[in-house]
PDB file of N, CA and C in Angstrom:
ATOM      1  N   MET A   1     119.853 136.406 183.064  1.00  0.00           N
ATOM      2  CA  MET A   1     119.789 135.367 183.963  1.00  0.00           C
ATOM      3  C   MET A   1     118.917 134.512 183.096  1.00  0.00           C
ATOM      4  N   SER A   2     119.022 133.183 182.929  1.00  0.00           N
ATOM      5  CA  SER A   2     118.458 132.211 182.145  1.00  0.00           C
ATOM      6  C   SER A   2     117.156 131.700 183.157  1.00  0.00           C
ATOM      7  N   ARG A   3     116.000 131.159 182.694  1.00  0.00           N
ATOM      8  CA  ARG A   3     114.738 130.861 182.928  1.00  0.00           C
ATOM      9  C   ARG A   3     114.344 129.568 182.460  1.00  0.00           C
ATOM     10  N   GLN A   4     113.774 128.938 183.082  1.00  0.00           N
ATOM     11  CA  GLN A   4     113.811 127.589 182.712  1.00  0.00           C
ATOM     12  C   GLN A   4     112.458 127.626 181.932  1.00  0.00           C
ATOM     13  N   VAL A   5     112.317 127.055 180.813  1.00  0.00           N
ATOM     14  CA  VAL A   5     110.881 127.071 180.050  1.00  0.00           C
ATOM     15  C   VAL A   5     110.054 125.606 179.900  1.00  0.00           C
ATOM     16  N   LEU A   6     109.293 125.506 180.237  1.00  0.00           N
ATOM     17  CA  LEU A   6     108.449 124.264 180.058  1.00  0.00           C
ATOM     18  C   LEU A   6     107.505 124.177 179.160  1.00  0.00           C
ATOM     19  N   THR A   7     107.425 123.089 178.530  1.00  0.00           N
ATOM     20  CA  THR A   7     106.069 122.891 177.693  1.00  0.00           C
ATOM     21  C   THR A   7     105.225 122.279 178.178  1.00  0.00           C
ATOM     22  N   PRO A   8     103.919 122.837 177.869  1.00  0.00           N
ATOM     23  CA  PRO A   8     102.881 121.974 178.545  1.00  0.00           C
ATOM     24  C   PRO A   8     102.457 120.279 178.209  1.00  0.00           C
ATOM     25  N   GLY A   9     101.967 119.679 178.677  1.00  0.00           N
ATOM     26  CA  GLY A   9     102.310 118.220 178.578  1.00  0.00           C
ATOM     27  C   GLY A   9     101.333 117.232 179.378  1.00  0.00           C
ATOM     28  N   PRO A  10     101.051 116.021 179.304  1.00  0.00           N
ATOM     29  CA  PRO A  10     100.464 115.302 180.337  1.00  0.00           C
ATOM     30  C   PRO A  10      99.943 115.545 181.471  1.00  0.00           C
ATOM     31  N   ASP A  11     101.302 115.807 181.832  1.00  0.00           N
ATOM     32  CA  ASP A  11     101.419 116.188 183.341  1.00  0.00           C
ATOM     33  C   ASP A  11     101.180 117.508 183.700  1.00  0.00           C
ATOM     34  N   HIS A  12     101.143 118.661 182.747  1.00  0.00           N
ATOM     35  CA  HIS A  12     100.662 119.749 183.156  1.00  0.00           C
ATOM     36  C   HIS A  12      99.963 120.952 181.850  1.00  0.00           C
ATOM     37  N   PRO A  13      98.772 120.026 181.622  1.00  0.00           N
ATOM     38  CA  PRO A  13      98.133 120.415 180.554  1.00  0.00           C
ATOM     39  C   PRO A  13      97.709 121.728 180.489  1.00  0.00           C
ATOM     40  N   ILE A  14      97.869 122.365 179.158  1.00  0.00           N
ATOM     41  CA  ILE A  14      97.432 123.819 179.007  1.00  0.00           C
ATOM     42  C   ILE A  14      96.686 123.782 177.494  1.00  0.00           C
ATOM     43  N   THR A  15      95.559 124.284 177.725  1.00  0.00           N
ATOM     44  CA  THR A  15      94.525 124.623 176.300  1.00  0.00           C
ATOM     45  C   THR A  15      94.117 126.547 176.684  1.00  0.00           C
ATOM     46  N   VAL A  16      94.084 126.689 175.294  1.00  0.00           N
ATOM     47  CA  VAL A  16      93.621 127.880 174.989  1.00  0.00           C
ATOM     48  C   VAL A  16      92.169 127.931 174.226  1.00  0.00           C
ATOM     49  N   GLU A  17      91.121 128.244 174.477  1.00  0.00           N
ATOM     50  CA  GLU A  17      89.997 128.401 173.777  1.00  0.00           C
ATOM     51  C   GLU A  17      89.442 129.218 173.290  1.00  0.00           C
ATOM     52  N   PRO A  18      88.333 129.720 172.268  1.00  0.00           N
ATOM     53  CA  PRO A  18      87.647 130.799 172.381  1.00  0.00           C
ATOM     54  C   PRO A  18      86.364 130.874 173.736  1.00  0.00           C
ATOM     55  N   GLY A  19      86.137 131.880 174.021  1.00  0.00           N
ATOM     56  CA  GLY A  19      84.929 131.888 174.708  1.00  0.00           C
ATOM     57  C   GLY A  19      83.664 131.818 174.134  1.00  0.00           C
ATOM     58  N   LYS A  20      82.645 131.137 174.841  1.00  0.00           N
ATOM     59  CA  LYS A  20      81.263 130.619 173.986  1.00  0.00           C
ATOM     60  C   LYS A  20      80.312 132.146 174.438  1.00  0.00           C
ATOM     61  N   SER A  21      80.486 132.920 175.650  1.00  0.00           N
ATOM     62  CA  SER A  21      79.372 134.227 175.736  1.00  0.00           C
ATOM     63  C   SER A  21      80.234 135.364 175.931  1.00  0.00           C
ATOM     64  N   ARG A  22      79.141 136.095 176.430  1.00  0.00           N
ATOM     65  CA  ARG A  22      79.968 137.406 176.980  1.00  0.00           C
ATOM     66  C   ARG A  22      80.283 137.673 178.606  1.00  0.00           C
ATOM     67  N   VAL A  23      81.661 137.933 178.021  1.00  0.00           N
ATOM     68  CA  VAL A  23      82.088 138.088 179.617  1.00  0.00           C
ATOM     69  C   VAL A  23      82.497 139.693 180.195  1.00  0.00           C
ATOM     70  N   VAL A  24      82.039 139.432 181.430  1.00  0.00           N
ATOM     71  CA  VAL A  24      82.110 140.945 181.888  1.00  0.00           C
ATOM     72  C   VAL A  24      82.759 140.948 183.477  1.00  0.00           C
ATOM     73  N   ALA A  25      83.693 141.965 183.523  1.00  0.00           N
ATOM     74  CA  ALA A  25      84.466 142.055 184.485  1.00  0.00           C
ATOM     75  C   ALA A  25      84.270 143.035 185.013  1.00  0.00           C
ATOM     76  N   ARG A  26      83.631 143.420 186.451  1.00  0.00           N
ATOM     77  CA  ARG A  26      83.124 144.469 187.231  1.00  0.00           C
ATOM     78  C   ARG A  26      83.984 144.359 188.785  1.00  0.00           C
ATOM     79  N   VAL A  27      84.096 145.626 189.187  1.00  0.00           N
ATOM     80  CA  VAL A  27      84.612 145.850 190.503  1.00  0.00           C
ATOM     81  C   VAL A  27      83.227 146.404 191.142  1.00  0.00           C
ATOM     82  N   GLY A  28      82.611 145.990 192.121  1.00  0.00           N
ATOM     83  CA  GLY A  28      81.370 146.009 192.667  1.00  0.00           C
ATOM     84  C   GLY A  28      80.324 146.718 191.566  1.00  0.00           C
ATOM     85  N   ASP A  29      79.701 147.800 191.263  1.00  0.00           N
ATOM     86  CA  ASP A  29      79.159 148.076 190.090  1.00  0.00           C
ATOM     87  C   ASP A  29      79.576 148.595 188.702  1.00  0.00           C
ATOM     88  N   THR A  30      80.827 148.708 189.319  1.00  0.00           N
ATOM     89  CA  THR A  30      81.483 149.465 187.948  1.00  0.00           C
ATOM     90  C   THR A  30      82.000 148.312 186.771  1.00  0.00           C
ATOM     91  N   ILE A  31      81.737 148.358 185.749  1.00  0.00           N
ATOM     92  CA  ILE A  31      82.138 147.261 184.423  1.00  0.00           C
ATOM     93  C   ILE A  31      83.715 147.853 184.091  1.00  0.00           C
ATOM     94  N   VAL A  32      84.346 147.010 184.444  1.00  0.00           N
ATOM     95  CA  VAL A  32      86.136 146.871 184.202  1.00  0.00           C
ATOM     96  C   VAL A  32      86.104 146.701 182.462  1.00  0.00           C
ATOM     97  N   ALA A  33      85.681 145.418 181.850  1.00  0.00           N
ATOM     98  CA  ALA A  33      85.769 145.031 180.614  1.00  0.00           C
ATOM     99  C   ALA A  33      84.554 143.988 180.416  1.00  0.00           C
ATOM    100  N   ASP A  34      84.370 144.339 178.961  1.00  0.00           N
ATOM    101  CA  ASP A  34      83.045 143.745 178.476  1.00  0.00           C
ATOM    102  C   ASP A  34      83.545 143.344 177.081  1.00  0.00           C
ATOM    103  N   THR A  35      83.418 141.893 176.761  1.00  0.00           N
ATOM    104  CA  THR A  35      83.286 141.519 175.853  1.00  0.00           C
ATOM    105  C   THR A  35      82.712 140.150 175.310  1.00  0.00           C
ATOM    106  N   THR A  36      82.644 139.712 174.139  1.00  0.00           N
ATOM    107  CA  THR A  36      82.524 138.470 173.712  1.00  0.00           C
ATOM    108  C   THR A  36      83.680 137.841 172.801  1.00  0.00           C
ATOM    109  N   SER A  37      84.901 138.392 173.137  1.00  0.00           N
ATOM    110  CA  SER A  37      85.873 137.813 172.350  1.00  0.00           C
ATOM    111  C   SER A  37      87.033 137.213 173.362  1.00  0.00           C
ATOM    112  N   SER A  38      86.690 136.470 174.508  1.00  0.00           N
ATOM    113  CA  SER A  38      87.278 136.290 175.452  1.00  0.00           C
ATOM    114  C   SER A  38      87.847 135.122 175.162  1.00  0.00           C
ATOM    115  N   LEU A  39      88.993 134.528 175.480  1.00  0.00           N
ATOM    116  CA  LEU A  39      89.613 133.108 175.393  1.00  0.00           C
ATOM    117  C   LEU A  39      89.909 132.662 176.512  1.00  0.00           C
ATOM    118  N   VAL A  40      89.377 131.292 177.172  1.00  0.00           N
ATOM    119  CA  VAL A  40      89.803 130.502 178.305  1.00  0.00           C
ATOM    120  C   VAL A  40      90.779 129.776 178.022  1.00  0.00           C
ATOM    121  N   LEU A  41      91.547 130.037 179.376  1.00  0.00           N
ATOM    122  CA  LEU A  41      92.767 129.499 179.341  1.00  0.00           C
ATOM    123  C   LEU A  41      92.503 128.386 180.467  1.00  0.00           C
ATOM    124  N   ARG A  42      92.703 127.240 180.138  1.00  0.00           N
ATOM    125  CA  ARG A  42      92.672 125.712 181.297  1.00  0.00           C
ATOM    126  C   ARG A  42      94.176 125.289 181.373  1.00  0.00           C
ATOM    127  N   GLU A  43      94.590 125.449 182.789  1.00  0.00           N
ATOM    128  CA  GLU A  43      95.705 124.799 183.163  1.00  0.00           C
ATOM    129  C   GLU A  43      95.711 124.033 184.190  1.00  0.00           C
ATOM    130  N   SER A  44      96.212 122.867 184.113  1.00  0.00           N
ATOM    131  CA  SER A  44      96.737 121.426 185.177  1.00  0.00           C
ATOM    132  C   SER A  44      94.990 121.693 185.797  1.00  0.00           C
ATOM    133  N   THR A  45      95.260 121.714 186.878  1.00  0.00           N
ATOM    134  CA  THR A  45      94.271 121.734 188.130  1.00  0.00           C
ATOM    135  C   THR A  45      93.693 122.872 188.395  1.00  0.00           C
ATOM    136  N   TYR A  46      94.117 124.211 187.796  1.00  0.00           N
ATOM    137  CA  TYR A  46      93.557 125.160 188.165  1.00  0.00           C
ATOM    138  C   TYR A  46      92.326 125.731 187.593  1.00  0.00           C
ATOM    139  N   PRO A  47      91.414 126.602 188.106  1.00  0.00           N
ATOM    140  CA  PRO A  47      90.359 127.102 187.728  1.00  0.00           C
ATOM    141  C   PRO A  47      90.737 127.331 186.571  1.00  0.00           C
ATOM    142  N   PRO A  48      89.666 127.507 185.454  1.00  0.00           N
ATOM    143  CA  PRO A  48      89.539 128.159 184.156  1.00  0.00           C
ATOM    144  C   PRO A  48      89.788 129.773 184.353  1.00  0.00           C
ATOM    145  N   VAL A  49      90.573 130.398 183.171  1.00  0.00           N
ATOM    146  CA  VAL A  49      90.748 131.647 183.359  1.00  0.00           C
ATOM    147  C   VAL A  49      90.358 132.237 181.940  1.00  0.00           C
ATOM    148  N   HIS A  50      89.608 133.191 182.133  1.00  0.00           N
ATOM    149  CA  HIS A  50      89.011 133.966 180.706  1.00  0.00           C
ATOM    150  C   HIS A  50      90.049 135.283 180.711  1.00  0.00           C
ATOM    151  N   TYR A  51      90.753 135.181 179.313  1.00  0.00           N
ATOM    152  CA  TYR A  51      91.406 136.353 178.945  1.00  0.00           C
ATOM    153  C   TYR A  51      90.615 137.246 178.175  1.00  0.00           C
ATOM    154  N   ILE A  52      90.781 138.324 178.383  1.00  0.00           N
ATOM    155  CA  ILE A  52      89.848 139.529 177.819  1.00  0.00           C
ATOM    156  C   ILE A  52      90.831 140.194 177.094  1.00  0.00           C
ATOM    157  N   PRO A  53      90.652 140.724 175.689  1.00  0.00           N
ATOM    158  CA  PRO A  53      91.170 141.711 174.983  1.00  0.00           C
ATOM    159  C   PRO A  53      91.296 143.144 175.632  1.00  0.00           C
ATOM    160  N   LEU A  54      92.504 143.258 175.399  1.00  0.00           N
ATOM    161  CA  LEU A  54      92.531 144.442 176.043  1.00  0.00           C
ATOM    162  C   LEU A  54      92.301 145.828 175.659  1.00  0.00           C
ATOM    163  N   GLN A  55      91.719 145.741 174.513  1.00  0.00           N
ATOM    164  CA  GLN A  55      90.816 146.640 173.867  1.00  0.00           C
ATOM    165  C   GLN A  55      89.544 146.574 174.495  1.00  0.00           C
ATOM    166  N   ASP A  56      89.343 145.563 174.854  1.00  0.00           N
ATOM    167  CA  ASP A  56      87.855 145.678 175.819  1.00  0.00           C
ATOM    168  C   ASP A  56      87.554 145.696 177.019  1.00  0.00           C
ATOM    169  N   VAL A  57      88.959 146.405 177.711  1.00  0.00           N
ATOM    170  CA  VAL A  57      88.857 146.854 178.749  1.00  0.00           C
ATOM    171  C   VAL A  57      88.584 148.346 179.096  1.00  0.00           C
ATOM    172  N   ASN A  58      88.284 148.950 179.645  1.00  0.00           N
ATOM    173  CA  ASN A  58      88.284 150.472 180.139  1.00  0.00           C
ATOM    174  C   ASN A  58      89.480 150.867 180.005  1.00  0.00           C
ATOM    175  N   PRO A  59      90.087 151.894 179.604  1.00  0.00           N
ATOM    176  CA  PRO A  59      91.799 152.309 179.941  1.00  0.00           C
ATOM    177  C   PRO A  59      91.936 152.805 180.869  1.00  0.00           C
ATOM    178  N   ASP A  60      90.493 153.587 181.392  1.00  0.00           N
ATOM    179  CA  ASP A  60      90.869 155.222 182.109  1.00  0.00           C
ATOM    180  C   ASP A  60      90.694 154.504 183.427  1.00  0.00           C
ATOM    181  N   LEU A  61      90.678 153.126 183.469  1.00  0.00           N
ATOM    182  CA  LEU A  61      90.602 152.105 184.821  1.00  0.00           C
ATOM    183  C   LEU A  61      91.824 151.873 185.289  1.00  0.00           C
ATOM    184  N   LEU A  62      92.770 151.629 184.066  1.00  0.00           N
ATOM    185  CA  LEU A  62      94.019 150.885 184.097  1.00  0.00           C
ATOM    186  C   LEU A  62      95.279 151.428 184.308  1.00  0.00           C
ATOM    187  N   LEU A  63      96.307 151.578 185.225  1.00  0.00           N
ATOM    188  CA  LEU A  63      97.438 152.146 185.424  1.00  0.00           C
ATOM    189  C   LEU A  63      98.462 151.194 185.430  1.00  0.00           C
ATOM    190  N   ALA A  64      99.585 150.890 184.158  1.00  0.00           N
ATOM    191  CA  ALA A  64     100.370 150.340 184.816  1.00  0.00           C
ATOM    192  C   ALA A  64     101.525 150.194 186.001  1.00  0.00           C
ATOM    193  N   SER A  65     101.303 148.705 186.141  1.00  0.00           N
ATOM    194  CA  SER A  65     102.347 148.629 187.398  1.00  0.00           C
ATOM    195  C   SER A  65     103.800 148.202 186.916  1.00  0.00           C
ATOM    196  N   ASP A  66     104.551 148.424 187.821  1.00  0.00           N
ATOM    197  CA  ASP A  66     106.337 147.861 187.571  1.00  0.00           C
ATOM    198  C   ASP A  66     106.719 146.212 187.980  1.00  0.00           C
ATOM    199  N   SER A  67     105.296 146.018 188.331  1.00  0.00           N
ATOM    200  CA  SER A  67     105.487 144.373 188.843  1.00  0.00           C
ATOM    201  C   SER A  67     105.615 143.392 187.755  1.00  0.00           C
ATOM    202  N   GLN A  68     106.480 142.043 188.360  1.00  0.00           N
ATOM    203  CA  GLN A  68     106.424 141.100 186.832  1.00  0.00           C
ATOM    204  C   GLN A  68     106.651 139.932 187.573  1.00  0.00           C
ATOM    205  N   THR A  69     106.178 138.848 187.199  1.00  0.00           N
ATOM    206  CA  THR A  69     106.541 137.632 187.521  1.00  0.00           C
ATOM    207  C   THR A  69     106.688 136.853 186.384  1.00  0.00           C
ATOM    208  N   TYR A  70     107.122 135.390 186.619  1.00  0.00           N
ATOM    209  CA  TYR A  70     107.156 134.457 185.582  1.00  0.00           C
ATOM    210  C   TYR A  70     106.503 133.202 186.091  1.00  0.00           C
ATOM    211  N   CYS A  71     106.243 132.798 184.888  1.00  0.00           N
ATOM    212  CA  CYS A  71     105.443 131.456 184.612  1.00  0.00           C
ATOM    213  C   CYS A  71     106.593 130.752 183.779  1.00  0.00           C
ATOM    214  N   PRO A  72     107.107 129.367 184.411  1.00  0.00           N
ATOM    215  CA  PRO A  72     107.921 128.377 182.690  1.00  0.00           C
ATOM    216  C   PRO A  72     106.994 128.144 181.821  1.00  0.00           C
ATOM    217  N   TYR A  73     105.800 128.170 182.013  1.00  0.00           N
ATOM    218  CA  TYR A  73     104.810 127.409 180.688  1.00  0.00           C
ATOM    219  C   TYR A  73     104.235 128.734 179.891  1.00  0.00           C
ATOM    220  N   LYS A  74     104.214 130.346 180.478  1.00  0.00           N
ATOM    221  CA  LYS A  74     103.448 131.353 179.640  1.00  0.00           C
ATOM    222  C   LYS A  74     104.622 132.296 179.847  1.00  0.00           C
ATOM    223  N   GLY A  75     105.305 132.153 180.174  1.00  0.00           N
ATOM    224  CA  GLY A  75     106.537 133.284 180.170  1.00  0.00           C
ATOM    225  C   GLY A  75     106.328 134.563 181.168  1.00  0.00           C
ATOM    226  N   GLU A  76     107.045 135.971 181.039  1.00  0.00           N
ATOM    227  CA  GLU A  76     107.064 136.839 181.777  1.00  0.00           C
ATOM    228  C   GLU A  76     105.409 137.621 181.595  1.00  0.00           C
ATOM    229  N   ALA A  77     105.208 137.923 182.986  1.00  0.00           N
ATOM    230  CA  ALA A  77     103.591 138.763 183.381  1.00  0.00           C
ATOM    231  C   ALA A  77     103.718 139.864 183.875  1.00  0.00           C
ATOM    232  N   SER A  78     102.987 140.804 183.071  1.00  0.00           N
ATOM    233  CA  SER A  78     103.191 142.180 183.663  1.00  0.00           C
ATOM    234  C   SER A  78     102.046 142.067 184.072  1.00  0.00           C
ATOM    235  N   TYR A  79     101.755 143.560 184.925  1.00  0.00           N
ATOM    236  CA  TYR A  79     100.252 144.091 185.721  1.00  0.00           C
ATOM    237  C   TYR A  79     100.253 145.288 185.579  1.00  0.00           C
ATOM    238  N   TYR A  80      98.750 145.765 185.733  1.00  0.00           N
ATOM    239  CA  TYR A  80      98.147 146.732 185.771  1.00  0.00           C
ATOM    240  C   TYR A  80      97.529 147.005 187.243  1.00  0.00           C
ATOM    241  N   HIS A  81      97.438 147.799 187.890  1.00  0.00           N
ATOM    242  CA  HIS A  81      96.725 148.229 188.951  1.00  0.00           C
ATOM    243  C   HIS A  81      95.174 148.748 188.210  1.00  0.00           C
ATOM    244  N   LEU A  82      94.201 148.398 189.166  1.00  0.00           N
ATOM    245  CA  LEU A  82      92.692 148.949 188.909  1.00  0.00           C
ATOM    246  C   LEU A  82      92.226 150.396 189.523  1.00  0.00           C
ATOM    247  N   THR A  83      91.861 151.362 189.244  1.00  0.00           N
ATOM    248  CA  THR A  83      91.342 152.749 190.031  1.00  0.00           C
ATOM    249  C   THR A  83      90.014 152.754 189.774  1.00  0.00           C
ATOM    250  N   VAL A  84      89.588 152.384 191.028  1.00  0.00           N
ATOM    251  CA  VAL A  84      87.697 152.391 191.006  1.00  0.00           C
ATOM    252  C   VAL A  84      87.301 153.222 191.777  1.00  0.00           C
ATOM    253  N   ASP A  85      86.390 154.200 191.929  1.00  0.00           N
ATOM    254  CA  ASP A  85      85.941 154.995 192.812  1.00  0.00           C
ATOM    255  C   ASP A  85      86.757 155.418 193.575  1.00  0.00           C
ATOM    256  N   GLY A  86      87.660 155.852 193.255  1.00  0.00           N
ATOM    257  CA  GLY A  86      89.033 156.591 193.951  1.00  0.00           C
ATOM    258  C   GLY A  86      89.809 155.391 194.772  1.00  0.00           C
ATOM    259  N   GLN A  87      89.627 153.780 194.486  1.00  0.00           N
ATOM    260  CA  GLN A  87      90.306 153.086 195.327  1.00  0.00           C
ATOM    261  C   GLN A  87      91.135 152.321 194.352  1.00  0.00           C
ATOM    262  N   GLU A  88      92.379 152.067 194.712  1.00  0.00           N
ATOM    263  CA  GLU A  88      93.441 151.391 193.853  1.00  0.00           C
ATOM    264  C   GLU A  88      93.887 150.145 194.264  1.00  0.00           C
ATOM    265  N   LEU A  89      93.381 148.907 193.323  1.00  0.00           N
ATOM    266  CA  LEU A  89      93.301 147.402 193.401  1.00  0.00           C
ATOM    267  C   LEU A  89      94.605 147.404 192.786  1.00  0.00           C
ATOM    268  N   THR A  90      95.764 147.232 193.865  1.00  0.00           N
ATOM    269  CA  THR A  90      97.038 147.081 193.431  1.00  0.00           C
ATOM    270  C   THR A  90      97.240 145.404 192.480  1.00  0.00           C
ATOM    271  N   ASP A  91      97.891 145.667 191.430  1.00  0.00           N
ATOM    272  CA  ASP A  91      98.276 144.546 190.356  1.00  0.00           C
ATOM    273  C   ASP A  91      96.980 143.430 190.419  1.00  0.00           C
ATOM    274  N   ALA A  92      95.628 143.796 190.329  1.00  0.00           N
ATOM    275  CA  ALA A  92      94.849 143.375 190.467  1.00  0.00           C
ATOM    276  C   ALA A  92      94.608 142.189 188.753  1.00  0.00           C
ATOM    277  N   VAL A  93      95.330 142.897 187.946  1.00  0.00           N
ATOM    278  CA  VAL A  93      95.184 142.450 186.301  1.00  0.00           C
ATOM    279  C   VAL A  93      96.511 142.465 185.711  1.00  0.00           C
ATOM    280  N   TRP A  94      96.514 141.031 185.130  1.00  0.00           N
ATOM    281  CA  TRP A  94      97.777 140.527 184.752  1.00  0.00           C
ATOM    282  C   TRP A  94      98.037 140.288 183.065  1.00  0.00           C
ATOM    283  N   THR A  95      99.170 140.273 182.281  1.00  0.00           N
ATOM    284  CA  THR A  95      98.936 140.202 181.014  1.00  0.00           C
ATOM    285  C   THR A  95     100.397 139.381 180.828  1.00  0.00           C
ATOM    286  N   TYR A  96     100.296 138.767 179.523  1.00  0.00           N
ATOM    287  CA  TYR A  96     101.414 137.753 179.316  1.00  0.00           C
ATOM    288  C   TYR A  96     101.823 138.907 177.688  1.00  0.00           C
ATOM    289  N   ARG A  97     102.612 139.566 177.608  1.00  0.00           N
ATOM    290  CA  ARG A  97     102.578 140.500 176.391  1.00  0.00           C
ATOM    291  C   ARG A  97     103.490 139.870 175.497  1.00  0.00           C
ATOM    292  N   THR A  98     104.347 139.209 175.534  1.00  0.00           N
ATOM    293  CA  THR A  98     105.123 138.214 174.830  1.00  0.00           C
ATOM    294  C   THR A  98     104.917 136.531 174.974  1.00  0.00           C
ATOM    295  N   PRO A  99     103.723 135.872 175.734  1.00  0.00           N
ATOM    296  CA  PRO A  99     103.629 134.603 175.803  1.00  0.00           C
ATOM    297  C   PRO A  99     104.558 133.452 175.279  1.00  0.00           C
ATOM    298  N   TYR A 100     104.788 132.678 175.681  1.00  0.00           N
ATOM    299  CA  TYR A 100     105.644 131.499 174.894  1.00  0.00           C
ATOM    300  C   TYR A 100     104.543 130.653 173.764  1.00  0.00           C
ATOM    301  N   ASP A 101     105.053 130.112 172.712  1.00  0.00           N
ATOM    302  CA  ASP A 101     104.117 129.944 171.580  1.00  0.00           C
ATOM    303  C   ASP A 101     103.120 128.954 172.142  1.00  0.00           C
ATOM    304  N   PRO A 102     103.146 128.000 173.048  1.00  0.00           N
ATOM    305  CA  PRO A 102     101.741 127.025 173.342  1.00  0.00           C
ATOM    306  C   PRO A 102     100.545 127.765 173.817  1.00  0.00           C
ATOM    307  N   VAL A 103     100.960 128.958 174.115  1.00  0.00           N
ATOM    308  CA  VAL A 103      99.787 130.002 174.692  1.00  0.00           C
ATOM    309  C   VAL A 103     100.000 131.067 173.912  1.00  0.00           C
ATOM    310  N   ARG A 104     100.453 131.090 173.028  1.00  0.00           N
ATOM    311  CA  ARG A 104     100.809 133.006 172.369  1.00  0.00           C
ATOM    312  C   ARG A 104      99.468 133.362 171.639  1.00  0.00           C
ATOM    313  N   GLU A 105      98.388 133.242 172.213  1.00  0.00           N
ATOM    314  CA  GLU A 105      96.769 133.070 171.667  1.00  0.00           C
ATOM    315  C   GLU A 105      96.591 134.447 172.763  1.00  0.00           C
ATOM    316  N   ILE A 106      97.128 134.360 174.167  1.00  0.00           N
ATOM    317  CA  ILE A 106      96.690 135.057 174.830  1.00  0.00           C
ATOM    318  C   ILE A 106      97.084 136.640 174.774  1.00  0.00           C
ATOM    319  N   ALA A 107      98.399 136.708 173.881  1.00  0.00           N
ATOM    320  CA  ALA A 107      99.119 138.005 174.026  1.00  0.00           C
ATOM    321  C   ALA A 107      97.971 139.023 173.580  1.00  0.00           C
ATOM    322  N   GLY A 108      98.018 140.147 174.046  1.00  0.00           N
ATOM    323  CA  GLY A 108      97.187 141.011 174.054  1.00  0.00           C
ATOM    324  C   GLY A 108      95.693 141.216 174.742  1.00  0.00           C
ATOM    325  N   HIS A 109      96.071 140.333 175.640  1.00  0.00           N
ATOM    326  CA  HIS A 109      95.051 140.007 176.429  1.00  0.00           C
ATOM    327  C   HIS A 109      94.856 139.963 177.899  1.00  0.00           C
ATOM    328  N   VAL A 110      94.125 140.392 179.026  1.00  0.00           N
ATOM    329  CA  VAL A 110      94.790 140.350 180.157  1.00  0.00           C
ATOM    330  C   VAL A 110      93.772 139.541 181.208  1.00  0.00           C
ATOM    331  N   ALA A 111      93.898 139.351 182.264  1.00  0.00           N
ATOM    332  CA  ALA A 111      93.389 138.515 183.204  1.00  0.00           C
ATOM    333  C   ALA A 111      93.141 139.116 184.400  1.00  0.00           C
ATOM    334  N   PHE A 112      92.074 138.886 185.331  1.00  0.00           N
ATOM    335  CA  PHE A 112      91.982 139.584 186.730  1.00  0.00           C
ATOM    336  C   PHE A 112      91.980 138.743 187.546  1.00  0.00           C
ATOM    337  N   TYR A 113      92.510 139.147 188.899  1.00  0.00           N
ATOM    338  CA  TYR A 113      92.344 138.187 189.890  1.00  0.00           C
ATOM    339  C   TYR A 113      91.144 138.133 190.547  1.00  0.00           C
ATOM    340  N   PRO A 114      90.333 136.906 190.708  1.00  0.00           N
ATOM    341  CA  PRO A 114      88.973 136.685 190.996  1.00  0.00           C
ATOM    342  C   PRO A 114      88.594 137.579 192.601  1.00  0.00           C
ATOM    343  N   ASP A 115      89.507 137.522 193.228  1.00  0.00           N
ATOM    344  CA  ASP A 115      89.662 137.701 194.739  1.00  0.00           C
ATOM    345  C   ASP A 115      89.355 139.425 194.819  1.00  0.00           C
ATOM    346  N   ARG A 116      89.754 139.953 193.338  1.00  0.00           N
ATOM    347  CA  ARG A 116      89.376 141.538 193.398  1.00  0.00           C
ATOM    348  C   ARG A 116      88.639 142.056 192.329  1.00  0.00           C
ATOM    349  N   VAL A 117      88.274 141.378 191.501  1.00  0.00           N
ATOM    350  CA  VAL A 117      87.318 141.843 189.989  1.00  0.00           C
ATOM    351  C   VAL A 117      86.674 140.249 189.794  1.00  0.00           C
ATOM    352  N   SER A 118      85.273 140.636 190.115  1.00  0.00           N
ATOM    353  CA  SER A 118      84.082 139.653 189.468  1.00  0.00           C
ATOM    354  C   SER A 118      84.289 139.478 188.064  1.00  0.00           C
ATOM    355  N   VAL A 119      84.239 138.696 187.591  1.00  0.00           N
ATOM    356  CA  VAL A 119      84.294 137.955 186.329  1.00  0.00           C
ATOM    357  C   VAL A 119      83.086 137.138 185.922  1.00  0.00           C
ATOM    358  N   THR A 120      82.079 137.495 185.202  1.00  0.00           N
ATOM    359  CA  THR A 120      80.892 136.481 184.982  1.00  0.00           C
ATOM    360  C   THR A 120      80.727 136.394 183.351  1.00  0.00           C
ATOM    361  N   GLU A 121      80.392 134.944 182.977  1.00  0.00           N
ATOM    362  CA  GLU A 121      79.512 134.840 181.798  1.00  0.00           C
ATOM    363  C   GLU A 121      78.314 135.180 181.769  1.00  0.00           C
ATOM    364  N   GLU A 122      77.510 136.308 180.981  1.00  0.00           N
ATOM    365  CA  GLU A 122      76.316 136.578 180.780  1.00  0.00           C
ATOM    366  C   GLU A 122      75.521 136.125 179.481  1.00  0.00           C
TER     367      GLU A 122
END
């Protein structure tokens, strides 16, 4: 199946910049990720998203999901479930394993849905 590929531009800008502080992702009191190497992706009118290196996420809490979605600006997204305190948060984490060139820096990074995971700058 052919997918539409779009390039960021004035009508849909996307930037990726290094984060400037420590970023911690939590579910309740459980730290899911802790990094000083985040990337901040700003896309059009959406809120900024912290992408955290996968190596800075607690691997014991991640379970690969079969879910996938597609973004014409970033590519194919894959997902992880989070298991925290016996509770599974379905597809709470996403990653672009092979993102399109304009956002290639986010490869090897993950992001979290803010309604399920608290991501704060500290």
